[in-house]
Amino acid sequence: MAIRFDRPVVRRPALPLTERDERDLALLREDTPEREALARLAGASVPPGASEGLLLHTLLEVALLRVREEVEAIGYAEWARQRAATETDRRAVARRRPPSWADDE
């Protein structure tokens, strides 16, 4: 039984697979912890009997999600670095400025 994609397929590229890739895909075809982990990461079940194309597409979606998460983390780290630098500059300026009470007599 072939499981269909929920969106139109626009291209079916060839994908070279190593022996290890073949072993890993075999694990994902069976009811294994690897397939359960893939389903959790994908946020959707990977049904028994899923086609190789569906398994590979699910792996691609999980990988792209992880890449997006990494890009966000890098962005947040850069924002935090810039914010810390701005805070350091603000404090340095405040230290150089005479206190408000300095002119009081």
PDB file of N, CA and C in Angstrom:
ATOM      1  N   MET A   1       0.842  -1.176   0.000  1.00  0.00           N
ATOM      2  CA  MET A   1       0.000   0.000   0.000  1.00  0.00           C
ATOM      3  C   MET A   1       0.888   1.241   0.000  1.00  0.00           C
ATOM      4  N   ALA A   2       0.731   2.074  -0.971  1.00  0.00           N
ATOM      5  CA  ALA A   2       1.536   3.297  -1.055  1.00  0.00           C
ATOM      6  C   ALA A   2       0.849   4.415  -0.281  1.00  0.00           C
ATOM      7  N   ILE A   3       1.615   5.110   0.495  1.00  0.00           N
ATOM      8  CA  ILE A   3       1.108   6.256   1.245  1.00  0.00           C
ATOM      9  C   ILE A   3       1.435   7.494   0.417  1.00  0.00           C
ATOM     10  N   ARG A   4       0.482   8.353   0.209  1.00  0.00           N
ATOM     11  CA  ARG A   4       0.661   9.540  -0.615  1.00  0.00           C
ATOM     12  C   ARG A   4       1.138  10.722   0.224  1.00  0.00           C
ATOM     13  N   PHE A   5       1.800  11.652  -0.422  1.00  0.00           N
ATOM     14  CA  PHE A   5       2.227  12.898   0.221  1.00  0.00           C
ATOM     15  C   PHE A   5       1.012  13.795   0.394  1.00  0.00           C
ATOM     16  N   ASP A   6       1.069  14.678   1.389  1.00  0.00           N
ATOM     17  CA  ASP A   6      -0.048  15.591   1.621  1.00  0.00           C
ATOM     18  C   ASP A   6       0.071  16.865   0.785  1.00  0.00           C
ATOM     19  N   ARG A   7       1.150  17.007   0.030  1.00  0.00           N
ATOM     20  CA  ARG A   7       1.346  18.154  -0.864  1.00  0.00           C
ATOM     21  C   ARG A   7       1.788  17.619  -2.223  1.00  0.00           C
ATOM     22  N   PRO A   8       1.571  18.389  -3.272  1.00  0.00           N
ATOM     23  CA  PRO A   8       1.991  17.923  -4.601  1.00  0.00           C
ATOM     24  C   PRO A   8       3.509  17.730  -4.678  1.00  0.00           C
ATOM     25  N   VAL A   9       3.917  16.676  -5.309  1.00  0.00           N
ATOM     26  CA  VAL A   9       5.338  16.399  -5.526  1.00  0.00           C
ATOM     27  C   VAL A   9       5.738  17.091  -6.822  1.00  0.00           C
ATOM     28  N   VAL A  10       6.778  17.912  -6.758  1.00  0.00           N
ATOM     29  CA  VAL A  10       7.193  18.654  -7.952  1.00  0.00           C
ATOM     30  C   VAL A  10       8.423  18.057  -8.622  1.00  0.00           C
ATOM     31  N   ARG A  11       9.150  17.200  -7.893  1.00  0.00           N
ATOM     32  CA  ARG A  11      10.362  16.626  -8.465  1.00  0.00           C
ATOM     33  C   ARG A  11      10.729  15.375  -7.701  1.00  0.00           C
ATOM     34  N   ARG A  12      11.287  14.408  -8.372  1.00  0.00           N
ATOM     35  CA  ARG A  12      11.759  13.172  -7.753  1.00  0.00           C
ATOM     36  C   ARG A  12      13.231  12.958  -8.114  1.00  0.00           C
ATOM     37  N   PRO A  13      14.128  13.564  -7.319  1.00  0.00           N
ATOM     38  CA  PRO A  13      15.547  13.440  -7.665  1.00  0.00           C
ATOM     39  C   PRO A  13      16.108  12.068  -7.279  1.00  0.00           C
ATOM     40  N   ALA A  14      17.177  11.700  -7.938  1.00  0.00           N
ATOM     41  CA  ALA A  14      17.900  10.485  -7.584  1.00  0.00           C
ATOM     42  C   ALA A  14      18.699  10.772  -6.324  1.00  0.00           C
ATOM     43  N   LEU A  15      18.847   9.781  -5.486  1.00  0.00           N
ATOM     44  CA  LEU A  15      19.581   9.962  -4.236  1.00  0.00           C
ATOM     45  C   LEU A  15      20.552   8.800  -4.054  1.00  0.00           C
ATOM     46  N   PRO A  16      21.848   9.069  -4.092  1.00  0.00           N
ATOM     47  CA  PRO A  16      22.807   7.988  -3.869  1.00  0.00           C
ATOM     48  C   PRO A  16      22.775   7.557  -2.408  1.00  0.00           C
ATOM     49  N   LEU A  17      22.783   6.253  -2.168  1.00  0.00           N
ATOM     50  CA  LEU A  17      22.743   5.709  -0.807  1.00  0.00           C
ATOM     51  C   LEU A  17      23.941   4.805  -0.569  1.00  0.00           C
ATOM     52  N   THR A  18      24.519   4.928   0.609  1.00  0.00           N
ATOM     53  CA  THR A  18      25.625   4.050   1.009  1.00  0.00           C
ATOM     54  C   THR A  18      25.051   2.799   1.669  1.00  0.00           C
ATOM     55  N   GLU A  19      25.919   1.857   1.964  1.00  0.00           N
ATOM     56  CA  GLU A  19      25.473   0.652   2.677  1.00  0.00           C
ATOM     57  C   GLU A  19      24.884   1.024   4.037  1.00  0.00           C
ATOM     58  N   ARG A  20      25.518   1.965   4.711  1.00  0.00           N
ATOM     59  CA  ARG A  20      24.999   2.390   6.014  1.00  0.00           C
ATOM     60  C   ARG A  20      23.621   3.028   5.862  1.00  0.00           C
ATOM     61  N   ASP A  21      23.438   3.855   4.819  1.00  0.00           N
ATOM     62  CA  ASP A  21      22.125   4.451   4.555  1.00  0.00           C
ATOM     63  C   ASP A  21      21.073   3.354   4.386  1.00  0.00           C
ATOM     64  N   GLU A  22      21.424   2.326   3.642  1.00  0.00           N
ATOM     65  CA  GLU A  22      20.499   1.203   3.423  1.00  0.00           C
ATOM     66  C   GLU A  22      20.136   0.529   4.746  1.00  0.00           C
ATOM     67  N   ARG A  23      21.125   0.316   5.606  1.00  0.00           N
ATOM     68  CA  ARG A  23      20.852  -0.307   6.927  1.00  0.00           C
ATOM     69  C   ARG A  23      19.954   0.593   7.765  1.00  0.00           C
ATOM     70  N   ASP A  24      20.238   1.903   7.740  1.00  0.00           N
ATOM     71  CA  ASP A  24      19.426   2.841   8.519  1.00  0.00           C
ATOM     72  C   ASP A  24      17.992   2.892   8.007  1.00  0.00           C
ATOM     73  N   LEU A  25      17.816   2.888   6.708  1.00  0.00           N
ATOM     74  CA  LEU A  25      16.462   2.880   6.148  1.00  0.00           C
ATOM     75  C   LEU A  25      15.719   1.602   6.508  1.00  0.00           C
ATOM     76  N   ALA A  26      16.440   0.487   6.529  1.00  0.00           N
ATOM     77  CA  ALA A  26      15.809  -0.776   6.926  1.00  0.00           C
ATOM     78  C   ALA A  26      15.297  -0.687   8.364  1.00  0.00           C
ATOM     79  N   LEU A  27      16.064  -0.018   9.240  1.00  0.00           N
ATOM     80  CA  LEU A  27      15.604   0.168  10.618  1.00  0.00           C
ATOM     81  C   LEU A  27      14.343   1.026  10.677  1.00  0.00           C
ATOM     82  N   LEU A  28      14.265   2.011   9.805  1.00  0.00           N
ATOM     83  CA  LEU A  28      13.108   2.900   9.804  1.00  0.00           C
ATOM     84  C   LEU A  28      11.857   2.245   9.228  1.00  0.00           C
ATOM     85  N   ARG A  29      12.043   1.191   8.435  1.00  0.00           N
ATOM     86  CA  ARG A  29      10.886   0.479   7.869  1.00  0.00           C
ATOM     87  C   ARG A  29      10.226  -0.422   8.912  1.00  0.00           C
ATOM     88  N   GLU A  30      10.988  -0.842   9.895  1.00  0.00           N
ATOM     89  CA  GLU A  30      10.484  -1.762  10.918  1.00  0.00           C
ATOM     90  C   GLU A  30       9.965  -0.981  12.121  1.00  0.00           C
ATOM     91  N   ASP A  31       9.270  -1.675  13.000  1.00  0.00           N
ATOM     92  CA  ASP A  31       8.778  -1.067  14.239  1.00  0.00           C
ATOM     93  C   ASP A  31       9.938  -1.042  15.230  1.00  0.00           C
ATOM     94  N   THR A  32      10.751   0.018  15.145  1.00  0.00           N
ATOM     95  CA  THR A  32      11.972   0.135  15.945  1.00  0.00           C
ATOM     96  C   THR A  32      11.976   1.454  16.699  1.00  0.00           C
ATOM     97  N   PRO A  33      12.839   1.571  17.690  1.00  0.00           N
ATOM     98  CA  PRO A  33      12.980   2.866  18.370  1.00  0.00           C
ATOM     99  C   PRO A  33      13.381   3.984  17.403  1.00  0.00           C
ATOM    100  N   GLU A  34      14.124   3.644  16.354  1.00  0.00           N
ATOM    101  CA  GLU A  34      14.531   4.643  15.364  1.00  0.00           C
ATOM    102  C   GLU A  34      13.309   5.224  14.647  1.00  0.00           C
ATOM    103  N   ARG A  35      12.373   4.356  14.275  1.00  0.00           N
ATOM    104  CA  ARG A  35      11.174   4.846  13.600  1.00  0.00           C
ATOM    105  C   ARG A  35      10.311   5.665  14.556  1.00  0.00           C
ATOM    106  N   GLU A  36      10.228   5.253  15.817  1.00  0.00           N
ATOM    107  CA  GLU A  36       9.491   6.039  16.813  1.00  0.00           C
ATOM    108  C   GLU A  36      10.141   7.412  17.001  1.00  0.00           C
ATOM    109  N   ALA A  37      11.470   7.442  17.042  1.00  0.00           N
ATOM    110  CA  ALA A  37      12.185   8.716  17.194  1.00  0.00           C
ATOM    111  C   ALA A  37      11.932   9.614  15.983  1.00  0.00           C
ATOM    112  N   LEU A  38      11.955   9.049  14.790  1.00  0.00           N
ATOM    113  CA  LEU A  38      11.679   9.825  13.583  1.00  0.00           C
ATOM    114  C   LEU A  38      10.268  10.406  13.645  1.00  0.00           C
ATOM    115  N   ALA A  39       9.312   9.612  14.071  1.00  0.00           N
ATOM    116  CA  ALA A  39       7.933  10.088  14.163  1.00  0.00           C
ATOM    117  C   ALA A  39       7.819  11.233  15.175  1.00  0.00           C
ATOM    118  N   ARG A  40       8.505  11.102  16.316  1.00  0.00           N
ATOM    119  CA  ARG A  40       8.481  12.186  17.313  1.00  0.00           C
ATOM    120  C   ARG A  40       9.102  13.457  16.750  1.00  0.00           C
ATOM    121  N   LEU A  41      10.248  13.325  16.099  1.00  0.00           N
ATOM    122  CA  LEU A  41      10.918  14.494  15.531  1.00  0.00           C
ATOM    123  C   LEU A  41      10.106  15.127  14.414  1.00  0.00           C
ATOM    124  N   ALA A  42       9.426  14.310  13.637  1.00  0.00           N
ATOM    125  CA  ALA A  42       8.634  14.810  12.518  1.00  0.00           C
ATOM    126  C   ALA A  42       7.297  15.369  12.991  1.00  0.00           C
ATOM    127  N   GLY A  43       6.891  14.999  14.188  1.00  0.00           N
ATOM    128  CA  GLY A  43       5.594  15.446  14.682  1.00  0.00           C
ATOM    129  C   GLY A  43       4.442  14.739  13.996  1.00  0.00           C
ATOM    130  N   ALA A  44       4.705  13.587  13.410  1.00  0.00           N
ATOM    131  CA  ALA A  44       3.674  12.804  12.733  1.00  0.00           C
ATOM    132  C   ALA A  44       4.110  11.347  12.718  1.00  0.00           C
ATOM    133  N   SER A  45       3.150  10.467  12.681  1.00  0.00           N
ATOM    134  CA  SER A  45       3.509   9.055  12.669  1.00  0.00           C
ATOM    135  C   SER A  45       4.093   8.669  11.316  1.00  0.00           C
ATOM    136  N   VAL A  46       4.941   7.682  11.366  1.00  0.00           N
ATOM    137  CA  VAL A  46       5.488   7.090  10.143  1.00  0.00           C
ATOM    138  C   VAL A  46       4.859   5.712  10.064  1.00  0.00           C
ATOM    139  N   PRO A  47       3.848   5.559   9.213  1.00  0.00           N
ATOM    140  CA  PRO A  47       3.077   4.322   9.224  1.00  0.00           C
ATOM    141  C   PRO A  47       3.880   3.113   8.744  1.00  0.00           C
ATOM    142  N   PRO A  48       3.547   1.935   9.266  1.00  0.00           N
ATOM    143  CA  PRO A  48       4.184   0.722   8.742  1.00  0.00           C
ATOM    144  C   PRO A  48       3.884   0.607   7.247  1.00  0.00           C
ATOM    145  N   GLY A  49       4.834   0.163   6.510  1.00  0.00           N
ATOM    146  CA  GLY A  49       4.651   0.029   5.073  1.00  0.00           C
ATOM    147  C   GLY A  49       4.837   1.335   4.318  1.00  0.00           C
ATOM    148  N   ALA A  50       5.375   2.357   4.997  1.00  0.00           N
ATOM    149  CA  ALA A  50       5.618   3.629   4.321  1.00  0.00           C
ATOM    150  C   ALA A  50       6.628   3.414   3.194  1.00  0.00           C
ATOM    151  N   SER A  51       6.401   4.095   2.114  1.00  0.00           N
ATOM    152  CA  SER A  51       7.315   3.955   0.978  1.00  0.00           C
ATOM    153  C   SER A  51       8.678   4.537   1.320  1.00  0.00           C
ATOM    154  N   GLU A  52       9.664   4.108   0.559  1.00  0.00           N
ATOM    155  CA  GLU A  52      11.004   4.652   0.750  1.00  0.00           C
ATOM    156  C   GLU A  52      11.002   6.159   0.505  1.00  0.00           C
ATOM    157  N   GLY A  53      10.240   6.601  -0.470  1.00  0.00           N
ATOM    158  CA  GLY A  53      10.142   8.029  -0.755  1.00  0.00           C
ATOM    159  C   GLY A  53       9.578   8.801   0.430  1.00  0.00           C
ATOM    160  N   LEU A  54       8.546   8.250   1.065  1.00  0.00           N
ATOM    161  CA  LEU A  54       7.963   8.921   2.230  1.00  0.00           C
ATOM    162  C   LEU A  54       8.943   8.945   3.397  1.00  0.00           C
ATOM    163  N   LEU A  55       9.657   7.854   3.610  1.00  0.00           N
ATOM    164  CA  LEU A  55      10.668   7.822   4.676  1.00  0.00           C
ATOM    165  C   LEU A  55      11.753   8.866   4.422  1.00  0.00           C
ATOM    166  N   LEU A  56      12.240   8.919   3.195  1.00  0.00           N
ATOM    167  CA  LEU A  56      13.292   9.885   2.866  1.00  0.00           C
ATOM    168  C   LEU A  56      12.780  11.317   2.967  1.00  0.00           C
ATOM    169  N   HIS A  57      11.546  11.539   2.548  1.00  0.00           N
ATOM    170  CA  HIS A  57      10.969  12.876   2.649  1.00  0.00           C
ATOM    171  C   HIS A  57      10.815  13.279   4.120  1.00  0.00           C
ATOM    172  N   THR A  58      10.395  12.352   4.958  1.00  0.00           N
ATOM    173  CA  THR A  58      10.262  12.628   6.391  1.00  0.00           C
ATOM    174  C   THR A  58      11.616  12.957   6.994  1.00  0.00           C
ATOM    175  N   LEU A  59      12.636  12.202   6.614  1.00  0.00           N
ATOM    176  CA  LEU A  59      13.994  12.496   7.089  1.00  0.00           C
ATOM    177  C   LEU A  59      14.438  13.886   6.643  1.00  0.00           C
ATOM    178  N   LEU A  60      14.134  14.242   5.407  1.00  0.00           N
ATOM    179  CA  LEU A  60      14.496  15.569   4.892  1.00  0.00           C
ATOM    180  C   LEU A  60      13.782  16.664   5.692  1.00  0.00           C
ATOM    181  N   GLU A  61      12.499  16.482   5.971  1.00  0.00           N
ATOM    182  CA  GLU A  61      11.758  17.476   6.751  1.00  0.00           C
ATOM    183  C   GLU A  61      12.347  17.644   8.149  1.00  0.00           C
ATOM    184  N   VAL A  62      12.693  16.532   8.789  1.00  0.00           N
ATOM    185  CA  VAL A  62      13.291  16.596  10.128  1.00  0.00           C
ATOM    186  C   VAL A  62      14.639  17.301  10.064  1.00  0.00           C
ATOM    187  N   ALA A  63      15.441  16.979   9.058  1.00  0.00           N
ATOM    188  CA  ALA A  63      16.753  17.621   8.919  1.00  0.00           C
ATOM    189  C   ALA A  63      16.603  19.117   8.684  1.00  0.00           C
ATOM    190  N   LEU A  64      15.662  19.512   7.833  1.00  0.00           N
ATOM    191  CA  LEU A  64      15.458  20.938   7.562  1.00  0.00           C
ATOM    192  C   LEU A  64      14.939  21.670   8.798  1.00  0.00           C
ATOM    193  N   LEU A  65      14.088  21.015   9.566  1.00  0.00           N
ATOM    194  CA  LEU A  65      13.616  21.613  10.817  1.00  0.00           C
ATOM    195  C   LEU A  65      14.788  21.845  11.762  1.00  0.00           C
ATOM    196  N   ARG A  66      15.662  20.870  11.857  1.00  0.00           N
ATOM    197  CA  ARG A  66      16.843  20.998  12.736  1.00  0.00           C
ATOM    198  C   ARG A  66      17.759  22.120  12.247  1.00  0.00           C
ATOM    199  N   VAL A  67      17.912  22.263  10.941  1.00  0.00           N
ATOM    200  CA  VAL A  67      18.729  23.346  10.383  1.00  0.00           C
ATOM    201  C   VAL A  67      18.110  24.696  10.749  1.00  0.00           C
ATOM    202  N   ARG A  68      16.774  24.817  10.603  1.00  0.00           N
ATOM    203  CA  ARG A  68      16.102  26.077  10.963  1.00  0.00           C
ATOM    204  C   ARG A  68      16.294  26.392  12.441  1.00  0.00           C
ATOM    205  N   GLU A  69      16.184  25.381  13.290  1.00  0.00           N
ATOM    206  CA  GLU A  69      16.393  25.583  14.726  1.00  0.00           C
ATOM    207  C   GLU A  69      17.813  26.077  15.010  1.00  0.00           C
ATOM    208  N   GLU A  70      18.777  25.526  14.312  1.00  0.00           N
ATOM    209  CA  GLU A  70      20.169  25.941  14.491  1.00  0.00           C
ATOM    210  C   GLU A  70      20.365  27.385  14.041  1.00  0.00           C
ATOM    211  N   VAL A  71      19.743  27.760  12.933  1.00  0.00           N
ATOM    212  CA  VAL A  71      19.835  29.142  12.442  1.00  0.00           C
ATOM    213  C   VAL A  71      19.215  30.085  13.470  1.00  0.00           C
ATOM    214  N   GLU A  72      18.082  29.707  14.055  1.00  0.00           N
ATOM    215  CA  GLU A  72      17.463  30.535  15.091  1.00  0.00           C
ATOM    216  C   GLU A  72      18.387  30.668  16.297  1.00  0.00           C
ATOM    217  N   ALA A  73      18.990  29.562  16.710  1.00  0.00           N
ATOM    218  CA  ALA A  73      19.897  29.606  17.859  1.00  0.00           C
ATOM    219  C   ALA A  73      21.081  30.528  17.596  1.00  0.00           C
ATOM    220  N   ILE A  74      21.617  30.463  16.384  1.00  0.00           N
ATOM    221  CA  ILE A  74      22.729  31.353  16.019  1.00  0.00           C
ATOM    222  C   ILE A  74      22.254  32.804  16.050  1.00  0.00           C
ATOM    223  N   GLY A  75      21.072  33.052  15.537  1.00  0.00           N
ATOM    224  CA  GLY A  75      20.518  34.399  15.545  1.00  0.00           C
ATOM    225  C   GLY A  75      20.309  34.928  16.954  1.00  0.00           C
ATOM    226  N   TYR A  76      19.750  34.088  17.829  1.00  0.00           N
ATOM    227  CA  TYR A  76      19.549  34.513  19.217  1.00  0.00           C
ATOM    228  C   TYR A  76      20.877  34.759  19.919  1.00  0.00           C
ATOM    229  N   ALA A  77      21.868  33.932  19.649  1.00  0.00           N
ATOM    230  CA  ALA A  77      23.181  34.127  20.267  1.00  0.00           C
ATOM    231  C   ALA A  77      23.799  35.443  19.800  1.00  0.00           C
ATOM    232  N   GLU A  78      23.649  35.765  18.518  1.00  0.00           N
ATOM    233  CA  GLU A  78      24.172  37.028  17.991  1.00  0.00           C
ATOM    234  C   GLU A  78      23.429  38.209  18.614  1.00  0.00           C
ATOM    235  N   TRP A  79      22.105  38.089  18.732  1.00  0.00           N
ATOM    236  CA  TRP A  79      21.307  39.150  19.353  1.00  0.00           C
ATOM    237  C   TRP A  79      21.764  39.358  20.798  1.00  0.00           C
ATOM    238  N   ALA A  80      21.976  38.272  21.533  1.00  0.00           N
ATOM    239  CA  ALA A  80      22.423  38.372  22.927  1.00  0.00           C
ATOM    240  C   ALA A  80      23.809  39.019  23.001  1.00  0.00           C
ATOM    241  N   ARG A  81      24.694  38.655  22.071  1.00  0.00           N
ATOM    242  CA  ARG A  81      26.035  39.250  22.048  1.00  0.00           C
ATOM    243  C   ARG A  81      25.939  40.751  21.795  1.00  0.00           C
ATOM    244  N   GLN A  82      25.119  41.148  20.831  1.00  0.00           N
ATOM    245  CA  GLN A  82      24.962  42.572  20.528  1.00  0.00           C
ATOM    246  C   GLN A  82      24.339  43.318  21.709  1.00  0.00           C
ATOM    247  N   ARG A  83      23.369  42.687  22.332  1.00  0.00           N
ATOM    248  CA  ARG A  83      22.709  43.313  23.488  1.00  0.00           C
ATOM    249  C   ARG A  83      23.698  43.480  24.636  1.00  0.00           C
ATOM    250  N   ALA A  84      24.534  42.477  24.863  1.00  0.00           N
ATOM    251  CA  ALA A  84      25.540  42.576  25.928  1.00  0.00           C
ATOM    252  C   ALA A  84      26.543  43.679  25.611  1.00  0.00           C
ATOM    253  N   ALA A  85      26.938  43.788  24.352  1.00  0.00           N
ATOM    254  CA  ALA A  85      27.882  44.843  23.959  1.00  0.00           C
ATOM    255  C   ALA A  85      27.244  46.213  24.154  1.00  0.00           C
ATOM    256  N   THR A  86      25.990  46.352  23.796  1.00  0.00           N
ATOM    257  CA  THR A  86      25.275  47.618  23.976  1.00  0.00           C
ATOM    258  C   THR A  86      25.179  47.966  25.453  1.00  0.00           C
ATOM    259  N   GLU A  87      24.877  46.988  26.274  1.00  0.00           N
ATOM    260  CA  GLU A  87      24.779  47.213  27.723  1.00  0.00           C
ATOM    261  C   GLU A  87      26.135  47.624  28.296  1.00  0.00           C
ATOM    262  N   THR A  88      27.197  47.000  27.832  1.00  0.00           N
ATOM    263  CA  THR A  88      28.544  47.356  28.286  1.00  0.00           C
ATOM    264  C   THR A  88      28.866  48.798  27.891  1.00  0.00           C
ATOM    265  N   ASP A  89      28.534  49.183  26.645  1.00  0.00           N
ATOM    266  CA  ASP A  89      28.758  50.566  26.197  1.00  0.00           C
ATOM    267  C   ASP A  89      27.950  51.546  27.042  1.00  0.00           C
ATOM    268  N   ARG A  90      26.703  51.226  27.321  1.00  0.00           N
ATOM    269  CA  ARG A  90      25.852  52.110  28.114  1.00  0.00           C
ATOM    270  C   ARG A  90      26.433  52.316  29.504  1.00  0.00           C
ATOM    271  N   ARG A  91      26.926  51.254  30.098  1.00  0.00           N
ATOM    272  CA  ARG A  91      27.532  51.366  31.430  1.00  0.00           C
ATOM    273  C   ARG A  91      28.813  52.195  31.395  1.00  0.00           C
ATOM    274  N   ALA A  92      29.607  52.035  30.341  1.00  0.00           N
ATOM    275  CA  ALA A  92      30.845  52.807  30.226  1.00  0.00           C
ATOM    276  C   ALA A  92      30.531  54.294  30.112  1.00  0.00           C
ATOM    277  N   VAL A  93      29.527  54.648  29.339  1.00  0.00           N
ATOM    278  CA  VAL A  93      29.130  56.049  29.199  1.00  0.00           C
ATOM    279  C   VAL A  93      28.635  56.572  30.539  1.00  0.00           C
ATOM    280  N   ALA A  94      27.865  55.777  31.245  1.00  0.00           N
ATOM    281  CA  ALA A  94      27.332  56.200  32.536  1.00  0.00           C
ATOM    282  C   ALA A  94      28.463  56.443  33.537  1.00  0.00           C
ATOM    283  N   ARG A  95      29.520  55.649  33.457  1.00  0.00           N
ATOM    284  CA  ARG A  95      30.652  55.830  34.383  1.00  0.00           C
ATOM    285  C   ARG A  95      31.403  57.128  34.078  1.00  0.00           C
ATOM    286  N   ARG A  96      31.467  57.532  32.813  1.00  0.00           N
ATOM    287  CA  ARG A  96      32.186  58.747  32.438  1.00  0.00           C
ATOM    288  C   ARG A  96      31.376  60.008  32.712  1.00  0.00           C
ATOM    289  N   ARG A  97      30.085  59.893  32.775  1.00  0.00           N
ATOM    290  CA  ARG A  97      29.210  61.039  32.980  1.00  0.00           C
ATOM    291  C   ARG A  97      29.265  61.457  34.453  1.00  0.00           C
ATOM    292  N   PRO A  98      29.374  62.735  34.736  1.00  0.00           N
ATOM    293  CA  PRO A  98      29.384  63.165  36.134  1.00  0.00           C
ATOM    294  C   PRO A  98      28.013  62.916  36.767  1.00  0.00           C
ATOM    295  N   PRO A  99      27.982  62.589  38.034  1.00  0.00           N
ATOM    296  CA  PRO A  99      26.685  62.307  38.675  1.00  0.00           C
ATOM    297  C   PRO A  99      25.810  63.564  38.680  1.00  0.00           C
ATOM    298  N   SER A 100      24.517  63.335  38.746  1.00  0.00           N
ATOM    299  CA  SER A 100      23.555  64.457  38.690  1.00  0.00           C
ATOM    300  C   SER A 100      23.733  65.425  39.845  1.00  0.00           C
ATOM    301  N   TRP A 101      24.241  64.978  40.951  1.00  0.00           N
ATOM    302  CA  TRP A 101      24.389  65.836  42.141  1.00  0.00           C
ATOM    303  C   TRP A 101      25.731  66.580  42.159  1.00  0.00           C
ATOM    304  N   ALA A 102      26.595  66.387  41.182  1.00  0.00           N
ATOM    305  CA  ALA A 102      27.922  66.982  41.188  1.00  0.00           C
ATOM    306  C   ALA A 102      27.875  68.510  41.120  1.00  0.00           C
ATOM    307  N   ASP A 103      26.883  69.091  40.467  1.00  0.00           N
ATOM    308  CA  ASP A 103      26.791  70.541  40.328  1.00  0.00           C
ATOM    309  C   ASP A 103      26.042  71.206  41.491  1.00  0.00           C
ATOM    310  N   ASP A 104      25.498  70.422  42.386  1.00  0.00           N
ATOM    311  CA  ASP A 104      24.744  70.976  43.514  1.00  0.00           C
ATOM    312  C   ASP A 104      25.710  71.661  44.499  1.00  0.00           C
ATOM    313  N   GLU A 105      25.298  72.800  44.965  1.00  0.00           N
ATOM    314  CA  GLU A 105      26.133  73.499  45.952  1.00  0.00           C
ATOM    315  C   GLU A 105      25.329  73.879  47.141  1.00  0.00           C
TER     316      GLU A 105
END
